[in-house]
Amino acid sequence: MRFFVEDPFSFYEHSGIDYKSYARVLVKSVLLQQGKGGGSTITQQIAKNVFGRKDFWLLSTPISKMRELIIASRLESMYSKDELLLLYFNTVSFGENLYGTEKAAQRFFSKKSEQLSLTECATLVGVLKAPSYYNPRRNSENATRRGNTVLDQMVKYNAMTEAEASEAKTPLVLKYSPAEKNSSLSGYYKEFVKEEFEAWAKANSNAEGAIYDLEKDGLHIYTTLQPNIQKYAENAMVRNLERLQKSMAQHWESSTTEGGKEAFIQKLMAQQPKVKQLVEQGKSPEEIETFSKRLPPENIGRSTRALSHVSRVIRTA
């Protein structure tokens, strides 16, 4: 049983490029100014999903389209139509940062894709038109309506009987499995390793002379990171920061009991060598504050500069 996001007959007949669709888009978008997009075949969408698009400034769209046409033509020469459909459904987005029918089946129905019912299959296919609008969890009515449209289309193209479609038009029942929360453990370290690898890869090409791709080449990278120790270290850091925050809050409250924040700031400022020098010169508090704001950072002592910044932050609190 097959589901389609374009005319099934044209998909099995064209060689990756649907010239009729391009002609329709040209007439509606350019000549009639109706702003109708589309025209891309499933194979062209595969090219976009797998290889992505690059920024070519004002020529980004035409260059990307031409690139996808060429890739689509080559894909058609290498794979069968059923293989292309499988590749499409393994790379297309179902929203919620989900790619591929297997992930979507697990998320919305807690099943493997091969265990999905006809109703559930039609629902997932319907999601592809607009993943947010037809999201089965957030917009159940929209998803059900769109799934029924998919079933009607299957009847139209003789992929099933009306009786089968009518039986499949049942209320949608989800068994939603929330996405597993990926731990941010050592995220910064992983980014550091990634940068180190990219620098190494530029200087050490592979056997074909190309630069290694971290995401696609199936590489194994070993580091000195020990997850359990790293977890304990990061938990200890969080606990210590909480302790320091509490200590700072208590110190701040005790230091500002008399006179409030402004008095505390003035007390700290008066202890700075530069401020003492200005006071000795007979400058007024207003002149000292104005003078300090005019000084470039390199002319202000480190402690005075930091204190000035703290002062500004406190006054806006």
Protein backbone atom coordinates (compact mmCIF):
# COMPACT_ATOMS: atom_id res chain seq x y z
CA MET A 1 0.00 0.00 0.00
CA ARG A 2 1.38 3.39 -0.99
CA PHE A 3 0.79 6.95 0.26
CA PHE A 4 1.56 9.95 -1.91
CA VAL A 5 2.27 13.65 -1.47
CA GLU A 6 2.10 14.30 -5.21
CA ASP A 7 0.16 12.81 -8.10
CA PRO A 8 1.17 9.11 -7.87
CA PHE A 9 0.95 8.61 -11.59
CA SER A 10 3.28 11.50 -12.33
CA PHE A 11 5.72 10.30 -9.65
CA TYR A 12 6.06 6.89 -11.25
CA GLU A 13 6.29 8.37 -14.73
CA HIS A 14 8.63 11.36 -14.43
CA SER A 15 12.41 11.13 -14.20
CA GLY A 16 12.72 13.38 -11.16
CA ILE A 17 11.40 16.54 -12.81
CA ASP A 18 7.72 17.27 -13.37
CA TYR A 19 7.69 19.73 -16.25
CA LYS A 20 3.90 20.09 -16.15
CA SER A 21 4.06 21.25 -12.55
CA TYR A 22 6.82 23.71 -13.38
CA ALA A 23 4.73 25.11 -16.21
CA ARG A 24 1.76 25.50 -13.87
CA VAL A 25 3.88 27.31 -11.27
CA LEU A 26 5.34 29.58 -13.94
CA VAL A 27 1.90 30.61 -15.16
CA LYS A 28 0.39 31.16 -11.71
CA SER A 29 3.40 32.76 -10.01
CA VAL A 30 4.92 34.83 -12.79
CA LEU A 31 2.17 35.54 -15.29
CA LEU A 32 -0.92 35.62 -13.05
CA GLN A 33 0.94 36.89 -9.94
CA GLN A 34 -0.98 34.50 -7.69
CA GLY A 35 2.07 33.60 -5.63
CA LYS A 36 1.58 29.87 -5.96
CA GLY A 37 4.67 27.88 -5.06
CA GLY A 38 5.38 24.20 -5.44
CA GLY A 39 6.42 22.31 -8.52
CA SER A 40 9.09 20.25 -6.77
CA THR A 41 8.83 16.49 -7.07
CA ILE A 42 9.45 14.06 -4.25
CA THR A 43 12.89 13.36 -5.69
CA GLN A 44 13.75 17.07 -5.64
CA GLN A 45 12.57 17.29 -2.04
CA ILE A 46 14.86 14.39 -1.20
CA ALA A 47 17.74 16.34 -2.75
CA LYS A 48 16.88 19.33 -0.57
CA ASN A 49 16.40 17.24 2.60
CA VAL A 50 19.61 15.27 2.20
CA PHE A 51 21.98 17.86 0.76
CA GLY A 52 20.41 21.08 2.08
CA ARG A 53 20.67 24.50 0.54
CA LYS A 54 23.46 27.06 0.53
CA ASP A 55 23.37 30.83 0.56
CA PHE A 56 24.16 32.40 -2.79
CA TRP A 57 22.79 35.84 -1.91
CA LEU A 58 20.22 37.06 -4.45
CA LEU A 59 20.70 33.97 -6.59
CA SER A 60 20.07 31.47 -3.76
CA THR A 61 16.67 30.26 -4.98
CA PRO A 62 17.45 29.75 -8.70
CA ILE A 63 20.85 28.18 -8.00
CA SER A 64 19.39 25.87 -5.33
CA LYS A 65 16.56 24.83 -7.64
CA MET A 66 18.97 24.07 -10.48
CA ARG A 67 21.20 22.11 -8.11
CA GLU A 68 18.21 20.08 -6.90
CA LEU A 69 17.16 19.35 -10.48
CA ILE A 70 20.58 17.90 -11.25
CA ILE A 71 20.71 15.85 -8.04
CA ALA A 72 17.14 14.60 -8.56
CA SER A 73 18.01 13.42 -12.05
CA ARG A 74 21.00 11.48 -10.73
CA LEU A 75 18.99 9.97 -7.87
CA GLU A 76 16.39 8.74 -10.35
CA SER A 77 19.11 6.98 -12.32
CA MET A 78 20.51 5.25 -9.23
CA TYR A 79 17.42 4.20 -7.24
CA SER A 80 14.04 2.64 -7.92
CA LYS A 81 10.86 4.60 -7.27
CA ASP A 82 10.09 2.58 -4.15
CA GLU A 83 13.59 3.19 -2.83
CA LEU A 84 13.16 6.90 -3.42
CA LEU A 85 9.88 6.88 -1.50
CA LEU A 86 11.59 5.11 1.38
CA LEU A 87 14.41 7.65 1.34
CA TYR A 88 11.88 10.49 1.32
CA PHE A 89 9.96 9.18 4.31
CA ASN A 90 13.21 8.63 6.20
CA THR A 91 14.34 12.23 5.75
CA VAL A 92 11.18 14.34 5.79
CA SER A 93 10.20 16.42 8.83
CA PHE A 94 7.13 15.59 10.92
CA GLY A 95 7.58 18.60 13.20
CA GLU A 96 8.75 18.54 16.82
CA ASN A 97 12.28 18.05 15.48
CA LEU A 98 11.25 14.62 14.16
CA TYR A 99 12.69 13.24 10.94
CA GLY A 100 11.54 9.98 9.43
CA THR A 101 8.44 7.84 9.84
CA GLU A 102 10.06 5.59 12.45
CA LYS A 103 10.68 8.49 14.84
CA ALA A 104 7.21 9.92 14.17
CA ALA A 105 5.55 6.55 14.82
CA GLN A 106 7.41 6.20 18.11
CA ARG A 107 6.58 9.77 19.20
CA PHE A 108 2.86 9.91 18.39
CA PHE A 109 1.80 6.26 18.70
CA SER A 110 4.59 4.52 20.66
CA LYS A 111 4.87 1.92 17.90
CA LYS A 112 7.24 0.82 15.22
CA SER A 113 6.23 2.07 11.79
CA GLU A 114 5.43 -1.47 10.63
CA GLN A 115 2.84 -1.76 13.43
CA LEU A 116 0.85 1.35 12.48
CA SER A 117 -2.79 1.03 11.52
CA LEU A 118 -4.18 2.49 8.31
CA THR A 119 -5.67 5.38 10.27
CA GLU A 120 -2.32 6.15 11.91
CA CYS A 121 -0.46 5.91 8.60
CA ALA A 122 -2.86 8.34 6.95
CA THR A 123 -2.46 10.71 9.90
CA LEU A 124 1.32 10.79 9.60
CA VAL A 125 1.16 11.33 5.84
CA GLY A 126 -1.24 14.20 6.46
CA VAL A 127 1.21 15.82 8.85
CA LEU A 128 3.68 16.36 6.00
CA LYS A 129 1.59 19.11 4.39
CA ALA A 130 2.01 21.40 7.42
CA PRO A 131 3.70 19.74 10.44
CA SER A 132 2.59 22.34 13.00
CA TYR A 133 -0.98 22.85 11.75
CA TYR A 134 -1.63 19.12 11.44
CA ASN A 135 0.29 18.09 14.56
CA PRO A 136 -1.73 15.15 16.01
CA ARG A 137 -1.05 16.15 19.61
CA ARG A 138 -1.64 19.88 19.41
CA ASN A 139 -4.25 19.99 16.66
CA SER A 140 -6.06 16.66 16.80
CA GLU A 141 -9.09 17.84 14.78
CA ASN A 142 -6.91 19.22 11.99
CA ALA A 143 -4.86 16.03 11.93
CA THR A 144 -7.97 13.85 11.74
CA ARG A 145 -9.47 15.91 8.95
CA ARG A 146 -6.24 15.85 6.97
CA GLY A 147 -5.84 12.10 7.52
CA ASN A 148 -9.32 11.53 6.11
CA THR A 149 -8.37 13.59 3.07
CA VAL A 150 -5.37 11.31 2.54
CA LEU A 151 -7.69 8.28 2.66
CA ASP A 152 -10.02 9.92 0.12
CA GLN A 153 -7.06 10.53 -2.18
CA MET A 154 -6.11 6.88 -1.93
CA VAL A 155 -9.60 5.93 -3.02
CA LYS A 156 -9.37 8.42 -5.88
CA TYR A 157 -6.16 6.81 -7.16
CA ASN A 158 -7.47 3.26 -6.64
CA ALA A 159 -5.04 2.45 -3.83
CA MET A 160 -7.97 1.22 -1.69
CA THR A 161 -11.72 0.81 -1.80
CA GLU A 162 -14.26 3.21 -0.36
CA ALA A 163 -15.21 0.60 2.21
CA GLU A 164 -11.61 0.34 3.42
CA ALA A 165 -11.31 4.11 3.64
CA SER A 166 -14.61 4.41 5.52
CA GLU A 167 -13.48 1.79 8.02
CA ALA A 168 -10.19 3.65 8.56
CA LYS A 169 -11.92 6.95 9.31
CA THR A 170 -12.07 6.29 13.03
CA PRO A 171 -11.38 8.70 15.91
CA LEU A 172 -7.67 9.32 16.29
CA VAL A 173 -6.12 7.74 19.39
CA LEU A 174 -2.64 8.86 20.33
CA LYS A 175 -0.18 7.20 22.64
CA TYR A 176 2.27 10.08 22.82
CA SER A 177 5.82 9.44 23.97
CA PRO A 178 7.55 12.70 24.95
CA ALA A 179 10.99 13.24 23.53
CA GLU A 180 13.81 12.10 25.74
CA LYS A 181 15.60 15.05 27.22
CA ASN A 182 19.15 15.06 25.99
CA SER A 183 21.56 15.79 28.79
CA SER A 184 23.62 18.92 28.40
CA LEU A 185 26.40 17.04 30.19
CA SER A 186 29.76 18.18 28.82
CA GLY A 187 28.09 20.01 25.92
CA TYR A 188 30.79 22.65 25.92
CA TYR A 189 33.46 19.93 25.89
CA LYS A 190 31.85 18.26 22.88
CA GLU A 191 31.85 21.57 21.04
CA PHE A 192 35.53 21.97 21.86
CA VAL A 193 36.28 18.49 20.49
CA LYS A 194 34.28 19.29 17.36
CA GLU A 195 36.36 22.41 16.71
CA GLU A 196 39.56 20.45 17.32
CA PHE A 197 38.43 17.75 14.90
CA GLU A 198 37.54 20.24 12.16
CA ALA A 199 40.96 21.84 12.45
CA TRP A 200 42.60 18.40 12.27
CA ALA A 201 40.43 17.29 9.33
CA LYS A 202 41.52 20.26 7.22
CA ALA A 203 45.13 19.19 7.58
CA ASN A 204 44.48 15.42 7.22
CA SER A 205 42.32 14.52 4.24
CA ASN A 206 40.92 11.04 3.68
CA ALA A 207 42.12 8.48 1.14
CA GLU A 208 40.19 10.22 -1.66
CA GLY A 209 41.70 13.58 -0.80
CA ALA A 210 38.44 14.96 0.64
CA ILE A 211 37.95 16.49 4.07
CA TYR A 212 36.40 14.16 6.64
CA ASP A 213 32.78 14.91 7.56
CA LEU A 214 32.07 14.46 11.27
CA GLU A 215 28.34 13.91 10.70
CA LYS A 216 28.42 11.59 7.69
CA ASP A 217 31.63 9.57 7.64
CA GLY A 218 30.83 7.24 10.54
CA LEU A 219 33.95 8.17 12.48
CA HIS A 220 34.78 7.09 16.03
CA ILE A 221 36.37 9.82 18.15
CA TYR A 222 37.83 8.93 21.54
CA THR A 223 38.42 11.52 24.27
CA THR A 224 39.62 11.52 27.87
CA LEU A 225 36.18 12.54 29.11
CA GLN A 226 34.71 10.24 31.76
CA PRO A 227 30.93 10.89 31.91
CA ASN A 228 30.42 9.74 35.50
CA ILE A 229 33.21 11.93 36.85
CA GLN A 230 32.05 14.83 34.68
CA LYS A 231 28.52 14.46 36.03
CA TYR A 232 29.72 14.60 39.63
CA ALA A 233 31.92 17.61 38.86
CA GLU A 234 29.08 19.55 37.24
CA ASN A 235 26.67 18.70 40.05
CA ALA A 236 29.27 19.90 42.56
CA MET A 237 29.67 23.13 40.60
CA VAL A 238 25.91 23.76 40.68
CA ARG A 239 25.75 23.12 44.44
CA ASN A 240 28.69 25.45 45.06
CA LEU A 241 27.17 28.21 42.93
CA GLU A 242 23.94 27.93 44.93
CA ARG A 243 25.95 28.19 48.15
CA LEU A 244 27.87 31.24 46.88
CA GLN A 245 24.65 32.88 45.74
CA LYS A 246 23.12 32.42 49.17
CA SER A 247 26.27 33.74 50.86
CA MET A 248 26.37 36.78 48.57
CA ALA A 249 22.70 37.53 49.23
CA GLN A 250 23.23 37.41 53.00
CA HIS A 251 26.33 39.62 52.77
CA TRP A 252 24.53 42.10 50.54
CA GLU A 253 21.57 42.37 52.91
CA SER A 254 23.83 42.95 55.91
CA SER A 255 25.94 45.50 54.04
CA THR A 256 22.99 47.54 52.85
CA THR A 257 20.93 47.53 56.03
CA GLU A 258 21.84 51.14 56.77
CA GLY A 259 21.52 53.61 53.93
CA GLY A 260 20.47 51.12 51.27
CA LYS A 261 22.21 50.30 48.00
CA GLU A 262 23.28 53.84 47.19
CA ALA A 263 25.08 54.23 50.53
CA PHE A 264 26.86 50.93 50.03
CA ILE A 265 27.97 51.92 46.54
CA GLN A 266 29.25 55.29 47.71
CA LYS A 267 31.19 53.60 50.50
CA LEU A 268 32.91 51.25 48.06
CA MET A 269 33.61 54.01 45.56
CA ALA A 270 35.18 56.18 48.25
CA GLN A 271 37.75 53.46 48.91
CA GLN A 272 39.11 53.53 45.33
CA PRO A 273 42.50 55.27 44.80
CA LYS A 274 41.26 57.24 41.80
CA VAL A 275 38.26 58.51 43.70
CA LYS A 276 40.43 59.49 46.66
CA GLN A 277 42.67 61.46 44.28
CA LEU A 278 39.69 63.34 42.86
CA VAL A 279 38.43 64.10 46.37
CA GLU A 280 41.85 65.52 47.29
CA GLN A 281 41.59 67.76 44.25
CA GLY A 282 38.37 69.20 45.64
CA LYS A 283 36.02 67.60 43.15
CA SER A 284 32.37 67.33 44.13
CA PRO A 285 30.57 63.93 44.16
CA GLU A 286 28.69 64.93 41.01
CA GLU A 287 31.92 65.89 39.24
CA ILE A 288 33.58 62.64 40.33
CA GLU A 289 30.71 60.55 38.95
CA THR A 290 30.62 62.50 35.70
CA PHE A 291 34.41 62.31 35.33
CA SER A 292 34.39 58.54 35.92
CA LYS A 293 31.78 58.00 33.20
CA ARG A 294 33.87 59.95 30.66
CA LEU A 295 37.05 57.98 31.22
CA PRO A 296 37.87 55.30 28.61
CA PRO A 297 38.20 51.80 30.12
CA GLU A 298 41.99 51.70 29.75
CA ASN A 299 42.33 54.79 31.99
CA ILE A 300 40.33 53.35 34.86
CA GLY A 301 41.76 50.94 37.38
CA ARG A 302 40.52 47.38 37.18
CA SER A 303 38.68 47.49 40.49
CA THR A 304 37.16 50.91 39.77
CA ARG A 305 36.00 49.79 36.33
CA ALA A 306 34.39 46.64 37.73
CA LEU A 307 32.80 48.58 40.56
CA SER A 308 31.43 51.15 38.14
CA HIS A 309 29.78 48.37 36.16
CA VAL A 310 28.35 46.82 39.34
CA SER A 311 27.05 50.23 40.34
CA ARG A 312 25.15 50.64 37.08
CA VAL A 313 23.68 47.15 37.36
CA ILE A 314 22.57 47.71 40.96
CA ARG A 315 20.92 51.03 40.18
CA THR A 316 18.75 49.36 37.53
CA ALA A 317 17.76 46.50 39.81
